[in-house]
């Protein structure tokens, strides 16, 4: 199975690529830099096929994903600086990455009939519940601007695709 992983220069994308390799899968990684610029630990991701791509560029995303033609896209790329996302001067960029970039990935996944795994966050909820939220809980109340953009990314995926998984993680 061929995987396309966004955000491989980050900690999560790095680890996802290496785990896929351990399980016998082929991974193609992408990030903004012209060549892989993540942790230089001599692991699989540092040697795997890499394609520079800006997820906010819809045409570039469509072309790259069409060329790669993956079975599965694991979308790890995101604006993850939660506190900085609250700065008004950064919010357009945060939304461009977490919402528009995710929409671009979902649109391209649909075109090539790939499954998509979208990594989201528990910040789509307010953290005030007394019982764990259920997997398909729609009682969203984003904790902050970052959570709002990740929720909008979730909705972009779920409204665009039939074959997707949304995984909410917390550090």
Protein backbone atom coordinates (compact mmCIF):
# COMPACT_ATOMS: atom_id res chain seq x y z
CA UNK A 1 0.00 0.00 0.00
CA UNK A 2 1.36 3.43 -0.94
CA UNK A 3 1.05 6.24 1.59
CA UNK A 4 1.48 9.98 1.09
CA UNK A 5 2.32 11.77 4.35
CA UNK A 6 2.16 15.54 4.76
CA UNK A 7 4.20 17.39 7.33
CA UNK A 8 7.12 14.93 7.47
CA UNK A 9 9.52 17.56 8.82
CA UNK A 10 7.47 17.67 12.02
CA UNK A 11 7.60 15.19 14.87
CA UNK A 12 4.32 13.46 14.02
CA UNK A 13 4.93 13.18 10.26
CA UNK A 14 8.46 11.92 10.93
CA UNK A 15 7.20 9.17 13.23
CA UNK A 16 4.28 8.23 10.95
CA UNK A 17 6.63 7.70 8.00
CA UNK A 18 8.96 5.53 10.07
CA UNK A 19 6.10 3.48 11.50
CA UNK A 20 4.61 2.87 8.05
CA UNK A 21 7.99 1.62 6.89
CA UNK A 22 8.26 -0.75 9.87
CA UNK A 23 4.91 -2.20 8.79
CA UNK A 24 6.13 -2.79 5.24
CA UNK A 25 4.47 0.14 3.49
CA UNK A 26 5.91 2.60 0.99
CA UNK A 27 5.73 6.20 2.13
CA UNK A 28 6.19 9.37 0.12
CA UNK A 29 6.71 12.40 2.32
CA UNK A 30 6.07 16.07 1.80
CA UNK A 31 6.67 19.37 3.53
CA UNK A 32 7.49 22.96 2.54
CA UNK A 33 11.28 22.75 2.33
CA UNK A 34 12.90 21.91 -1.03
CA UNK A 35 14.34 18.74 0.53
CA UNK A 36 13.65 16.82 3.74
CA UNK A 37 14.52 19.15 6.62
CA UNK A 38 13.27 17.28 9.67
CA UNK A 39 15.21 15.35 12.29
CA UNK A 40 18.39 13.95 10.72
CA UNK A 41 18.42 10.61 12.55
CA UNK A 42 19.22 8.38 9.56
CA UNK A 43 15.80 6.73 9.85
CA UNK A 44 13.59 5.74 6.90
CA UNK A 45 11.95 9.15 6.53
CA UNK A 46 15.32 10.80 5.92
CA UNK A 47 15.90 8.54 2.89
CA UNK A 48 12.34 8.05 1.62
CA UNK A 49 10.93 9.71 -1.47
CA UNK A 50 10.23 13.35 -0.67
CA UNK A 51 8.34 16.01 -2.62
CA UNK A 52 8.28 19.67 -1.65
CA UNK A 53 4.69 20.94 -1.53
CA UNK A 54 2.79 23.88 -0.07
CA UNK A 55 -0.58 22.54 1.09
CA UNK A 56 -2.10 26.02 0.72
CA UNK A 57 -1.49 25.93 -3.05
CA UNK A 58 -4.49 24.02 -4.41
CA UNK A 59 -3.03 23.52 -7.90
CA UNK A 60 0.28 22.21 -6.55
CA UNK A 61 -1.52 19.84 -4.17
CA UNK A 62 -3.72 18.48 -6.95
CA UNK A 63 -0.75 17.91 -9.26
CA UNK A 64 1.53 16.30 -6.68
CA UNK A 65 -1.15 13.96 -5.33
CA UNK A 66 -2.25 13.02 -8.84
CA UNK A 67 1.37 12.24 -9.74
CA UNK A 68 2.00 10.22 -6.56
CA UNK A 69 -1.41 8.47 -6.80
CA UNK A 70 -1.39 7.15 -3.21
CA UNK A 71 -3.79 4.64 -1.71
CA UNK A 72 -3.86 6.60 1.55
CA UNK A 73 -3.01 10.17 2.52
CA UNK A 74 -2.02 10.78 6.14
CA UNK A 75 -2.39 14.51 6.70
CA UNK A 76 -0.02 15.50 9.52
CA UNK A 77 0.80 19.01 8.27
CA UNK A 78 -0.77 21.74 10.39
CA UNK A 79 -0.18 24.95 12.24
CA UNK A 80 0.44 23.52 15.70
CA UNK A 81 1.68 26.50 17.73
CA UNK A 82 -1.54 26.70 19.75
CA UNK A 83 -0.73 29.88 21.71
CA UNK A 84 0.64 31.73 18.67
CA UNK A 85 -2.55 30.86 16.74
CA UNK A 86 -4.38 33.27 19.04
CA UNK A 87 -2.33 36.21 17.71
CA UNK A 88 -4.58 38.16 15.37
CA UNK A 89 -1.72 38.81 12.93
CA UNK A 90 -1.21 35.05 12.46
CA UNK A 91 -4.82 33.92 12.16
CA UNK A 92 -5.08 34.22 8.37
CA UNK A 93 -2.05 31.96 8.00
CA UNK A 94 -3.35 29.49 10.60
CA UNK A 95 -6.66 29.27 8.74
CA UNK A 96 -4.89 28.95 5.36
CA UNK A 97 -2.92 25.96 6.66
CA UNK A 98 -5.41 24.19 8.94
CA UNK A 99 -8.57 24.77 6.91
CA UNK A 100 -7.76 25.65 3.30
CA UNK A 101 -4.73 23.35 3.16
CA UNK A 102 -6.80 20.50 4.55
CA UNK A 103 -9.54 21.20 2.01
CA UNK A 104 -6.94 21.07 -0.76
CA UNK A 105 -5.70 17.70 0.47
CA UNK A 106 -9.27 16.35 0.75
CA UNK A 107 -10.14 17.55 -2.76
CA UNK A 108 -7.05 15.86 -4.18
CA UNK A 109 -7.75 12.66 -2.22
CA UNK A 110 -11.21 12.54 -3.73
CA UNK A 111 -9.82 12.97 -7.25
CA UNK A 112 -7.45 10.00 -6.92
CA UNK A 113 -9.89 7.95 -4.79
CA UNK A 114 -7.48 7.76 -1.84
CA UNK A 115 -8.47 7.24 1.76
CA UNK A 116 -7.53 10.12 4.04
CA UNK A 117 -6.43 10.16 7.66
CA UNK A 118 -6.78 13.61 9.20
CA UNK A 119 -4.99 14.30 12.46
CA UNK A 120 -7.06 16.66 14.55
CA UNK A 121 -7.17 17.63 18.21
CA UNK A 122 -9.28 17.39 21.34
CA UNK A 123 -9.29 21.21 21.24
CA UNK A 124 -12.42 20.94 19.05
CA UNK A 125 -14.20 20.49 22.40
CA UNK A 126 -14.15 22.87 25.35
CA UNK A 127 -12.61 20.47 27.87
CA UNK A 128 -15.44 21.00 30.34
CA UNK A 129 -17.23 17.65 29.99
CA UNK A 130 -17.52 15.21 32.85
CA UNK A 131 -17.57 12.12 30.62
CA UNK A 132 -15.38 11.29 27.63
CA UNK A 133 -16.70 12.47 24.30
CA UNK A 134 -17.87 9.72 22.00
CA UNK A 135 -16.10 9.02 18.71
CA UNK A 136 -18.82 10.65 16.60
CA UNK A 137 -19.77 13.38 19.08
CA UNK A 138 -20.80 16.54 17.26
CA UNK A 139 -21.15 18.71 20.37
CA UNK A 140 -18.25 20.89 19.24
CA UNK A 141 -17.21 23.88 21.28
CA UNK A 142 -13.66 24.73 20.20
CA UNK A 143 -11.42 25.74 23.04
CA UNK A 144 -9.68 28.49 21.06
CA UNK A 145 -8.89 29.72 17.52
CA UNK A 146 -6.55 26.78 16.90
CA UNK A 147 -9.35 24.36 17.89
CA UNK A 148 -11.78 26.20 15.63
CA UNK A 149 -9.48 25.83 12.62
CA UNK A 150 -8.89 22.15 13.31
CA UNK A 151 -12.67 21.66 13.55
CA UNK A 152 -13.11 23.46 10.23
CA UNK A 153 -10.47 21.08 8.83
CA UNK A 154 -12.44 18.10 10.16
CA UNK A 155 -15.60 19.41 8.51
CA UNK A 156 -13.77 19.96 5.22
CA UNK A 157 -12.69 16.32 5.25
CA UNK A 158 -16.05 14.87 6.32
CA UNK A 159 -18.03 16.96 3.80
CA UNK A 160 -15.68 16.16 0.90
CA UNK A 161 -14.84 12.50 1.34
CA UNK A 162 -16.56 9.19 1.95
CA UNK A 163 -13.35 7.32 2.80
CA UNK A 164 -11.69 9.09 5.71
CA UNK A 165 -10.63 8.76 9.33
CA UNK A 166 -10.45 11.68 11.73
CA UNK A 167 -8.16 11.03 14.67
CA UNK A 168 -8.17 13.49 17.56
CA UNK A 169 -4.92 13.47 19.45
CA UNK A 170 -3.62 15.29 22.50
CA UNK A 171 -0.06 15.58 23.67
